[in-house]
PDB file of all heavy atoms in Angstrom:
ATOM      1  N   PRO A   1      -6.539   1.698  14.932  1.00  0.00           N
ATOM      2  CA  PRO A   1      -5.144   1.467  14.581  1.00  0.00           C
ATOM      3  C   PRO A   1      -4.890   0.097  13.875  1.00  0.00           C
ATOM      4  O   PRO A   1      -3.994  -0.072  13.187  1.00  0.00           O
ATOM      5  CB  PRO A   1      -4.403   1.620  15.927  1.00  0.00           C
ATOM      6  CG  PRO A   1      -5.251   2.320  16.752  1.00  0.00           C
ATOM      7  CD  PRO A   1      -6.666   2.088  16.379  1.00  0.00           C
ATOM      8  N   ALA A   2      -5.654  -0.892  14.368  1.00  0.00           N
ATOM      9  CA  ALA A   2      -5.515  -2.250  13.826  1.00  0.00           C
ATOM     10  C   ALA A   2      -6.351  -2.620  12.457  1.00  0.00           C
ATOM     11  O   ALA A   2      -6.177  -3.771  12.014  1.00  0.00           O
ATOM     12  CB  ALA A   2      -5.719  -3.323  14.859  1.00  0.00           C
ATOM     13  N   MET A   3      -7.132  -1.583  12.059  1.00  0.00           N
ATOM     14  CA  MET A   3      -8.004  -1.976  10.799  1.00  0.00           C
ATOM     15  C   MET A   3      -7.098  -2.234   9.643  1.00  0.00           C
ATOM     16  O   MET A   3      -6.156  -1.419   9.248  1.00  0.00           O
ATOM     17  CB  MET A   3      -8.860  -0.777  10.655  1.00  0.00           C
ATOM     18  CG  MET A   3      -9.839  -1.045   9.382  1.00  0.00           C
ATOM     19  SD  MET A   3     -10.820   0.413   8.864  1.00  0.00           S
ATOM     20  CE  MET A   3     -11.981   0.279  10.171  1.00  0.00           C
ATOM     21  N   PRO A   4      -7.352  -3.347   8.930  1.00  0.00           N
ATOM     22  CA  PRO A   4      -6.658  -3.632   7.789  1.00  0.00           C
ATOM     23  C   PRO A   4      -6.989  -2.624   6.683  1.00  0.00           C
ATOM     24  O   PRO A   4      -8.216  -2.339   6.505  1.00  0.00           O
ATOM     25  CB  PRO A   4      -7.018  -5.044   7.351  1.00  0.00           C
ATOM     26  CG  PRO A   4      -7.807  -5.567   8.505  1.00  0.00           C
ATOM     27  CD  PRO A   4      -8.182  -4.337   9.279  1.00  0.00           C
ATOM     28  N   VAL A   5      -6.008  -2.005   5.841  1.00  0.00           N
ATOM     29  CA  VAL A   5      -6.274  -1.207   4.835  1.00  0.00           C
ATOM     30  C   VAL A   5      -5.442  -1.607   3.603  1.00  0.00           C
ATOM     31  O   VAL A   5      -4.266  -1.845   3.728  1.00  0.00           O
ATOM     32  CB  VAL A   5      -5.846   0.479   5.261  1.00  0.00           C
ATOM     33  CG1 VAL A   5      -6.020   1.299   4.153  1.00  0.00           C
ATOM     34  CG2 VAL A   5      -6.716   0.692   6.463  1.00  0.00           C
ATOM     35  N   ILE A   6      -6.054  -1.426   2.522  1.00  0.00           N
ATOM     36  CA  ILE A   6      -5.374  -1.642   1.200  1.00  0.00           C
ATOM     37  C   ILE A   6      -5.340  -0.390   0.498  1.00  0.00           C
ATOM     38  O   ILE A   6      -6.360   0.191   0.261  1.00  0.00           O
ATOM     39  CB  ILE A   6      -6.057  -2.868   0.462  1.00  0.00           C
ATOM     40  CG1 ILE A   6      -6.010  -4.149   1.083  1.00  0.00           C
ATOM     41  CG2 ILE A   6      -5.392  -2.875  -0.969  1.00  0.00           C
ATOM     42  CD1 ILE A   6      -6.964  -5.158   0.401  1.00  0.00           C
ATOM     43  N   LEU A   7      -4.013   0.035   0.107  1.00  0.00           N
ATOM     44  CA  LEU A   7      -3.946   1.358  -0.556  1.00  0.00           C
ATOM     45  C   LEU A   7      -3.398   1.153  -1.826  1.00  0.00           C
ATOM     46  O   LEU A   7      -2.272   0.595  -1.966  1.00  0.00           O
ATOM     47  CB  LEU A   7      -2.925   2.286   0.357  1.00  0.00           C
ATOM     48  CG  LEU A   7      -2.829   3.696  -0.145  1.00  0.00           C
ATOM     49  CD1 LEU A   7      -4.263   4.407  -0.126  1.00  0.00           C
ATOM     50  CD2 LEU A   7      -1.846   4.348   0.831  1.00  0.00           C
ATOM     51  N   ALA A   8      -4.226   1.418  -2.850  1.00  0.00           N
ATOM     52  CA  ALA A   8      -3.777   1.188  -4.237  1.00  0.00           C
ATOM     53  C   ALA A   8      -3.115   2.595  -4.897  1.00  0.00           C
ATOM     54  O   ALA A   8      -3.766   3.609  -4.479  1.00  0.00           O
ATOM     55  CB  ALA A   8      -4.939   0.781  -5.130  1.00  0.00           C
ATOM     56  N   SER A   9      -2.123   2.404  -5.558  1.00  0.00           N
ATOM     57  CA  SER A   9      -1.604   3.528  -6.189  1.00  0.00           C
ATOM     58  C   SER A   9      -0.706   3.230  -7.385  1.00  0.00           C
ATOM     59  O   SER A   9      -0.042   2.266  -7.406  1.00  0.00           O
ATOM     60  CB  SER A   9      -0.669   4.285  -5.161  1.00  0.00           C
ATOM     61  OG  SER A   9      -0.110   5.533  -5.820  1.00  0.00           O
ATOM     62  N   GLY A  10      -0.931   4.104  -8.416  1.00  0.00           N
ATOM     63  CA  GLY A  10      -0.009   3.992  -9.500  1.00  0.00           C
ATOM     64  C   GLY A  10       1.021   5.087  -9.389  1.00  0.00           C
ATOM     65  O   GLY A  10       2.167   4.956 -10.159  1.00  0.00           O
ATOM     66  N   ARG A  11       0.826   6.068  -8.671  1.00  0.00           N
ATOM     67  CA  ARG A  11       1.750   7.103  -8.400  1.00  0.00           C
ATOM     68  C   ARG A  11       1.402   7.818  -7.133  1.00  0.00           C
ATOM     69  O   ARG A  11       0.311   7.611  -6.531  1.00  0.00           O
ATOM     70  CB  ARG A  11       1.807   8.038  -9.398  1.00  0.00           C
ATOM     71  CG  ARG A  11       0.573   8.752  -9.826  1.00  0.00           C
ATOM     72  CD  ARG A  11       0.523   9.505 -11.072  1.00  0.00           C
ATOM     73  NE  ARG A  11      -0.695  10.034 -11.231  1.00  0.00           N
ATOM     74  CZ  ARG A  11      -1.085  11.279 -11.372  1.00  0.00           C
ATOM     75  NH1 ARG A  11      -0.124  12.191 -11.224  1.00  0.00           N
ATOM     76  NH2 ARG A  11      -2.336  11.632 -11.575  1.00  0.00           N
ATOM     77  N   GLY A  12       2.302   8.516  -6.555  1.00  0.00           N
ATOM     78  CA  GLY A  12       1.922   9.390  -5.291  1.00  0.00           C
ATOM     79  C   GLY A  12       2.447   8.737  -4.017  1.00  0.00           C
ATOM     80  O   GLY A  12       2.359   9.319  -2.978  1.00  0.00           O
ATOM     81  N   LEU A  13       3.221   7.579  -4.158  1.00  0.00           N
ATOM     82  CA  LEU A  13       3.806   7.026  -2.900  1.00  0.00           C
ATOM     83  C   LEU A  13       5.309   6.872  -2.911  1.00  0.00           C
ATOM     84  O   LEU A  13       5.903   6.269  -2.216  1.00  0.00           O
ATOM     85  CB  LEU A  13       3.166   5.616  -2.569  1.00  0.00           C
ATOM     86  CG  LEU A  13       1.697   5.607  -2.244  1.00  0.00           C
ATOM     87  CD1 LEU A  13       1.206   4.262  -2.070  1.00  0.00           C
ATOM     88  CD2 LEU A  13       1.397   6.467  -1.057  1.00  0.00           C
ATOM     89  N   GLU A  14       5.808   7.419  -4.005  1.00  0.00           N
ATOM     90  CA  GLU A  14       7.313   7.323  -4.410  1.00  0.00           C
ATOM     91  C   GLU A  14       8.038   7.750  -3.081  1.00  0.00           C
ATOM     92  O   GLU A  14       7.870   8.738  -2.609  1.00  0.00           O
ATOM     93  CB  GLU A  14       7.782   8.240  -5.561  1.00  0.00           C
ATOM     94  CG  GLU A  14       7.129   7.668  -6.861  1.00  0.00           C
ATOM     95  CD  GLU A  14       5.772   8.194  -7.053  1.00  0.00           C
ATOM     96  OE1 GLU A  14       5.275   9.040  -6.321  1.00  0.00           O
ATOM     97  OE2 GLU A  14       5.129   7.811  -8.000  1.00  0.00           O
ATOM     98  N   GLY A  15       8.936   6.895  -2.608  1.00  0.00           N
ATOM     99  CA  GLY A  15       9.779   7.235  -1.441  1.00  0.00           C
ATOM    100  C   GLY A  15       9.046   7.085  -0.177  1.00  0.00           C
ATOM    101  O   GLY A  15       9.837   7.077   0.854  1.00  0.00           O
ATOM    102  N   LEU A  16       7.944   6.698  -0.106  1.00  0.00           N
ATOM    103  CA  LEU A  16       7.214   6.435   1.174  1.00  0.00           C
ATOM    104  C   LEU A  16       7.077   4.915   1.401  1.00  0.00           C
ATOM    105  O   LEU A  16       6.779   4.620   2.439  1.00  0.00           O
ATOM    106  CB  LEU A  16       5.869   7.143   1.122  1.00  0.00           C
ATOM    107  CG  LEU A  16       5.752   8.660   1.018  1.00  0.00           C
ATOM    108  CD1 LEU A  16       4.452   9.232   0.927  1.00  0.00           C
ATOM    109  CD2 LEU A  16       6.546   9.245   2.206  1.00  0.00           C
ATOM    110  N   ASP A  17       7.358   4.080   0.454  1.00  0.00           N
ATOM    111  CA  ASP A  17       7.013   2.719   0.701  1.00  0.00           C
ATOM    112  C   ASP A  17       7.729   2.110   1.931  1.00  0.00           C
ATOM    113  O   ASP A  17       7.146   1.304   2.533  1.00  0.00           O
ATOM    114  CB  ASP A  17       7.370   1.792  -0.553  1.00  0.00           C
ATOM    115  CG  ASP A  17       7.653   2.398  -1.837  1.00  0.00           C
ATOM    116  OD1 ASP A  17       7.599   3.544  -2.018  1.00  0.00           O
ATOM    117  OD2 ASP A  17       7.655   1.539  -2.836  1.00  0.00           O
ATOM    118  N   SER A  18       8.884   2.480   2.113  1.00  0.00           N
ATOM    119  CA  SER A  18       9.693   1.846   3.321  1.00  0.00           C
ATOM    120  C   SER A  18       9.054   2.304   4.570  1.00  0.00           C
ATOM    121  O   SER A  18       8.948   1.478   5.504  1.00  0.00           O
ATOM    122  CB  SER A  18      11.149   2.253   3.297  1.00  0.00           C
ATOM    123  OG  SER A  18      11.297   3.580   3.325  1.00  0.00           O
ATOM    124  N   ASP A  19       8.653   3.539   4.807  1.00  0.00           N
ATOM    125  CA  ASP A  19       7.791   3.985   5.913  1.00  0.00           C
ATOM    126  C   ASP A  19       6.499   3.246   5.988  1.00  0.00           C
ATOM    127  O   ASP A  19       6.101   2.824   7.077  1.00  0.00           O
ATOM    128  CB  ASP A  19       7.584   5.463   5.887  1.00  0.00           C
ATOM    129  CG  ASP A  19       8.945   6.421   6.023  1.00  0.00           C
ATOM    130  OD1 ASP A  19       9.876   5.721   6.572  1.00  0.00           O
ATOM    131  OD2 ASP A  19       9.022   7.455   5.462  1.00  0.00           O
ATOM    132  N   LEU A  20       5.839   3.130   4.915  1.00  0.00           N
ATOM    133  CA  LEU A  20       4.474   2.534   5.000  1.00  0.00           C
ATOM    134  C   LEU A  20       4.477   1.004   5.352  1.00  0.00           C
ATOM    135  O   LEU A  20       3.573   0.541   5.860  1.00  0.00           O
ATOM    136  CB  LEU A  20       3.736   2.834   3.576  1.00  0.00           C
ATOM    137  CG  LEU A  20       3.511   4.234   3.284  1.00  0.00           C
ATOM    138  CD1 LEU A  20       2.920   4.381   1.915  1.00  0.00           C
ATOM    139  CD2 LEU A  20       2.476   4.825   4.380  1.00  0.00           C
ATOM    140  N   LYS A  21       5.592   0.296   4.937  1.00  0.00           N
ATOM    141  CA  LYS A  21       5.704  -1.050   5.048  1.00  0.00           C
ATOM    142  C   LYS A  21       5.994  -1.426   6.617  1.00  0.00           C
ATOM    143  O   LYS A  21       5.745  -2.594   7.068  1.00  0.00           O
ATOM    144  CB  LYS A  21       6.952  -1.667   4.355  1.00  0.00           C
ATOM    145  CG  LYS A  21       6.612  -1.755   2.907  1.00  0.00           C
ATOM    146  CD  LYS A  21       7.693  -2.323   2.076  1.00  0.00           C
ATOM    147  CE  LYS A  21       7.260  -2.302   0.572  1.00  0.00           C
ATOM    148  NZ  LYS A  21       8.380  -2.618  -0.312  1.00  0.00           N
ATOM    149  N   ARG A  22       6.098  -0.358   7.536  1.00  0.00           N
ATOM    150  CA  ARG A  22       6.208  -0.597   8.910  1.00  0.00           C
ATOM    151  C   ARG A  22       4.856  -0.733   9.519  1.00  0.00           C
ATOM    152  O   ARG A  22       4.772  -1.258  10.782  1.00  0.00           O
ATOM    153  CB  ARG A  22       6.860   0.600   9.546  1.00  0.00           C
ATOM    154  CG  ARG A  22       8.342   0.696   9.211  1.00  0.00           C
ATOM    155  CD  ARG A  22       9.031   1.831   9.950  1.00  0.00           C
ATOM    156  NE  ARG A  22      10.276   2.164   9.315  1.00  0.00           N
ATOM    157  CZ  ARG A  22      10.733   3.385   9.125  1.00  0.00           C
ATOM    158  NH1 ARG A  22       9.986   4.508   9.614  1.00  0.00           N
ATOM    159  NH2 ARG A  22      11.940   3.567   8.547  1.00  0.00           N
ATOM    160  N   ASP A  23       3.834  -0.430   8.865  1.00  0.00           N
ATOM    161  CA  ASP A  23       2.456  -0.546   9.294  1.00  0.00           C
ATOM    162  C   ASP A  23       1.970  -1.949   9.002  1.00  0.00           C
ATOM    163  O   ASP A  23       1.705  -2.448   7.831  1.00  0.00           O
ATOM    164  CB  ASP A  23       1.562   0.566   8.605  1.00  0.00           C
ATOM    165  CG  ASP A  23       0.125   0.418   9.156  1.00  0.00           C
ATOM    166  OD1 ASP A  23      -0.327  -0.606   9.787  1.00  0.00           O
ATOM    167  OD2 ASP A  23      -0.523   1.438   9.061  1.00  0.00           O
ATOM    168  N   PRO A  24       1.891  -2.930   9.933  1.00  0.00           N
ATOM    169  CA  PRO A  24       1.544  -4.357   9.647  1.00  0.00           C
ATOM    170  C   PRO A  24       0.101  -4.474   9.192  1.00  0.00           C
ATOM    171  O   PRO A  24      -0.112  -5.605   8.645  1.00  0.00           O
ATOM    172  CB  PRO A  24       1.750  -5.010  11.011  1.00  0.00           C
ATOM    173  CG  PRO A  24       1.538  -3.889  12.009  1.00  0.00           C
ATOM    174  CD  PRO A  24       2.146  -2.608  11.379  1.00  0.00           C
ATOM    175  N   ASN A  25      -0.745  -3.484   9.267  1.00  0.00           N
ATOM    176  CA  ASN A  25      -2.045  -3.586   8.885  1.00  0.00           C
ATOM    177  C   ASN A  25      -2.393  -2.845   7.559  1.00  0.00           C
ATOM    178  O   ASN A  25      -3.614  -2.576   7.234  1.00  0.00           O
ATOM    179  CB  ASN A  25      -3.057  -3.143   9.954  1.00  0.00           C
ATOM    180  CG  ASN A  25      -2.793  -4.009  11.283  1.00  0.00           C
ATOM    181  OD1 ASN A  25      -3.087  -5.106  11.090  1.00  0.00           O
ATOM    182  ND2 ASN A  25      -2.598  -3.199  12.298  1.00  0.00           N
ATOM    183  N   LEU A  26      -1.257  -2.449   6.847  1.00  0.00           N
ATOM    184  CA  LEU A  26      -1.375  -1.784   5.641  1.00  0.00           C
ATOM    185  C   LEU A  26      -0.869  -2.626   4.531  1.00  0.00           C
ATOM    186  O   LEU A  26       0.311  -3.140   4.619  1.00  0.00           O
ATOM    187  CB  LEU A  26      -0.683  -0.439   5.638  1.00  0.00           C
ATOM    188  CG  LEU A  26      -0.639   0.246   4.381  1.00  0.00           C
ATOM    189  CD1 LEU A  26      -2.003   0.751   3.915  1.00  0.00           C
ATOM    190  CD2 LEU A  26       0.245   1.495   4.566  1.00  0.00           C
ATOM    191  N   THR A  27      -1.647  -2.735   3.412  1.00  0.00           N
ATOM    192  CA  THR A  27      -0.979  -3.496   2.256  1.00  0.00           C
ATOM    193  C   THR A  27      -1.047  -2.459   1.151  1.00  0.00           C
ATOM    194  O   THR A  27      -2.057  -1.920   0.854  1.00  0.00           O
ATOM    195  CB  THR A  27      -2.057  -4.726   1.881  1.00  0.00           C
ATOM    196  OG1 THR A  27      -2.026  -5.688   2.967  1.00  0.00           O
ATOM    197  CG2 THR A  27      -1.515  -5.365   0.647  1.00  0.00           C
ATOM    198  N   LEU A  28       0.143  -2.313   0.454  1.00  0.00           N
ATOM    199  CA  LEU A  28       0.223  -1.440  -0.746  1.00  0.00           C
ATOM    200  C   LEU A  28      -0.039  -2.363  -1.920  1.00  0.00           C
ATOM    201  O   LEU A  28       0.401  -3.381  -2.149  1.00  0.00           O
ATOM    202  CB  LEU A  28       1.567  -0.889  -0.810  1.00  0.00           C
ATOM    203  CG  LEU A  28       2.009  -0.051   0.490  1.00  0.00           C
ATOM    204  CD1 LEU A  28       3.430   0.370   0.308  1.00  0.00           C
ATOM    205  CD2 LEU A  28       1.061   1.111   0.587  1.00  0.00           C
ATOM    206  N   LEU A  29      -0.844  -1.837  -2.793  1.00  0.00           N
ATOM    207  CA  LEU A  29      -1.289  -2.509  -3.978  1.00  0.00           C
ATOM    208  C   LEU A  29      -0.991  -1.569  -5.224  1.00  0.00           C
ATOM    209  O   LEU A  29      -1.675  -0.762  -5.580  1.00  0.00           O
ATOM    210  CB  LEU A  29      -2.723  -2.749  -3.944  1.00  0.00           C
ATOM    211  CG  LEU A  29      -3.299  -3.637  -5.120  1.00  0.00           C
ATOM    212  CD1 LEU A  29      -2.664  -4.988  -5.216  1.00  0.00           C
ATOM    213  CD2 LEU A  29      -4.911  -3.742  -4.926  1.00  0.00           C
ATOM    214  N   PRO A  30       0.207  -1.831  -5.814  1.00  0.00           N
ATOM    215  CA  PRO A  30       0.673  -0.990  -7.062  1.00  0.00           C
ATOM    216  C   PRO A  30      -0.271  -1.252  -8.164  1.00  0.00           C
ATOM    217  O   PRO A  30      -0.775  -2.402  -8.438  1.00  0.00           O
ATOM    218  CB  PRO A  30       1.972  -1.572  -7.353  1.00  0.00           C
ATOM    219  CG  PRO A  30       2.500  -2.512  -6.262  1.00  0.00           C
ATOM    220  CD  PRO A  30       1.223  -2.939  -5.620  1.00  0.00           C
ATOM    221  N   LYS A  31      -0.610  -0.238  -8.932  1.00  0.00           N
ATOM    222  CA  LYS A  31      -1.382  -0.274 -10.124  1.00  0.00           C
ATOM    223  C   LYS A  31      -0.401  -0.283 -11.343  1.00  0.00           C
ATOM    224  O   LYS A  31       0.663   0.288 -11.266  1.00  0.00           O
ATOM    225  CB  LYS A  31      -2.301   1.074 -10.281  1.00  0.00           C
ATOM    226  CG  LYS A  31      -3.488   1.019  -9.227  1.00  0.00           C
ATOM    227  CD  LYS A  31      -4.522   1.997  -9.622  1.00  0.00           C
ATOM    228  CE  LYS A  31      -4.482   3.270  -8.914  1.00  0.00           C
ATOM    229  NZ  LYS A  31      -5.392   4.250  -9.299  1.00  0.00           N
ATOM    230  N   PRO A  32      -0.857  -0.896 -12.336  1.00  0.00           N
ATOM    231  CA  PRO A  32      -2.082  -1.615 -12.568  1.00  0.00           C
ATOM    232  C   PRO A  32      -1.948  -3.010 -11.924  1.00  0.00           C
ATOM    233  O   PRO A  32      -0.841  -3.561 -11.745  1.00  0.00           O
ATOM    234  CB  PRO A  32      -2.269  -1.804 -14.090  1.00  0.00           C
ATOM    235  CG  PRO A  32      -0.822  -1.910 -14.633  1.00  0.00           C
ATOM    236  CD  PRO A  32      -0.098  -0.900 -13.587  1.00  0.00           C
ATOM    237  N   PHE A  33      -3.037  -3.538 -11.415  1.00  0.00           N
ATOM    238  CA  PHE A  33      -3.127  -4.827 -10.773  1.00  0.00           C
ATOM    239  C   PHE A  33      -4.211  -5.730 -11.296  1.00  0.00           C
ATOM    240  O   PHE A  33      -5.079  -5.242 -11.955  1.00  0.00           O
ATOM    241  CB  PHE A  33      -3.331  -4.721  -9.324  1.00  0.00           C
ATOM    242  CG  PHE A  33      -4.487  -4.002  -8.810  1.00  0.00           C
ATOM    243  CD1 PHE A  33      -5.779  -4.589  -8.691  1.00  0.00           C
ATOM    244  CD2 PHE A  33      -4.449  -2.605  -8.567  1.00  0.00           C
ATOM    245  CE1 PHE A  33      -6.864  -3.833  -8.266  1.00  0.00           C
ATOM    246  CE2 PHE A  33      -5.554  -1.898  -8.073  1.00  0.00           C
ATOM    247  CZ  PHE A  33      -6.804  -2.550  -8.012  1.00  0.00           C
ATOM    248  N   THR A  34      -3.933  -7.064 -11.234  1.00  0.00           N
ATOM    249  CA  THR A  34      -4.915  -7.933 -11.760  1.00  0.00           C
ATOM    250  C   THR A  34      -5.997  -8.244 -10.537  1.00  0.00           C
ATOM    251  O   THR A  34      -5.694  -8.068  -9.498  1.00  0.00           O
ATOM    252  CB  THR A  34      -4.170  -9.306 -12.212  1.00  0.00           C
ATOM    253  OG1 THR A  34      -3.635  -9.889 -11.018  1.00  0.00           O
ATOM    254  CG2 THR A  34      -3.165  -9.001 -13.236  1.00  0.00           C
ATOM    255  N   LEU A  35      -6.960  -8.863 -11.070  1.00  0.00           N
ATOM    256  CA  LEU A  35      -8.094  -9.294 -10.035  1.00  0.00           C
ATOM    257  C   LEU A  35      -7.514 -10.312  -9.074  1.00  0.00           C
ATOM    258  O   LEU A  35      -7.684 -10.337  -7.835  1.00  0.00           O
ATOM    259  CB  LEU A  35      -9.241  -9.964 -10.787  1.00  0.00           C
ATOM    260  CG  LEU A  35     -10.639 -10.121  -9.934  1.00  0.00           C
ATOM    261  CD1 LEU A  35     -10.972  -8.834  -9.354  1.00  0.00           C
ATOM    262  CD2 LEU A  35     -11.633 -10.643 -10.873  1.00  0.00           C
ATOM    263  N   HIS A  36      -6.564 -11.208  -9.597  1.00  0.00           N
ATOM    264  CA  HIS A  36      -5.970 -12.125  -8.850  1.00  0.00           C
ATOM    265  C   HIS A  36      -5.087 -11.451  -7.697  1.00  0.00           C
ATOM    266  O   HIS A  36      -5.075 -11.935  -6.500  1.00  0.00           O
ATOM    267  CB  HIS A  36      -5.057 -13.083  -9.636  1.00  0.00           C
ATOM    268  CG  HIS A  36      -4.312 -14.109  -8.803  1.00  0.00           C
ATOM    269  ND1 HIS A  36      -4.951 -15.156  -8.196  1.00  0.00           N
ATOM    270  CD2 HIS A  36      -2.962 -14.237  -8.583  1.00  0.00           C
ATOM    271  CE1 HIS A  36      -3.976 -15.925  -7.623  1.00  0.00           C
ATOM    272  NE2 HIS A  36      -2.791 -15.201  -7.734  1.00  0.00           N
TER     273      HIS A  36
END
């Protein structure tokens, strides 16, 4: 449950971001993204 996860998406998470932001160990990474 506490494993850090980065989930990248250009689509497919519409409307779910608020629910997903409740997970303190989940980072959402919108595409496109830079290396930085």
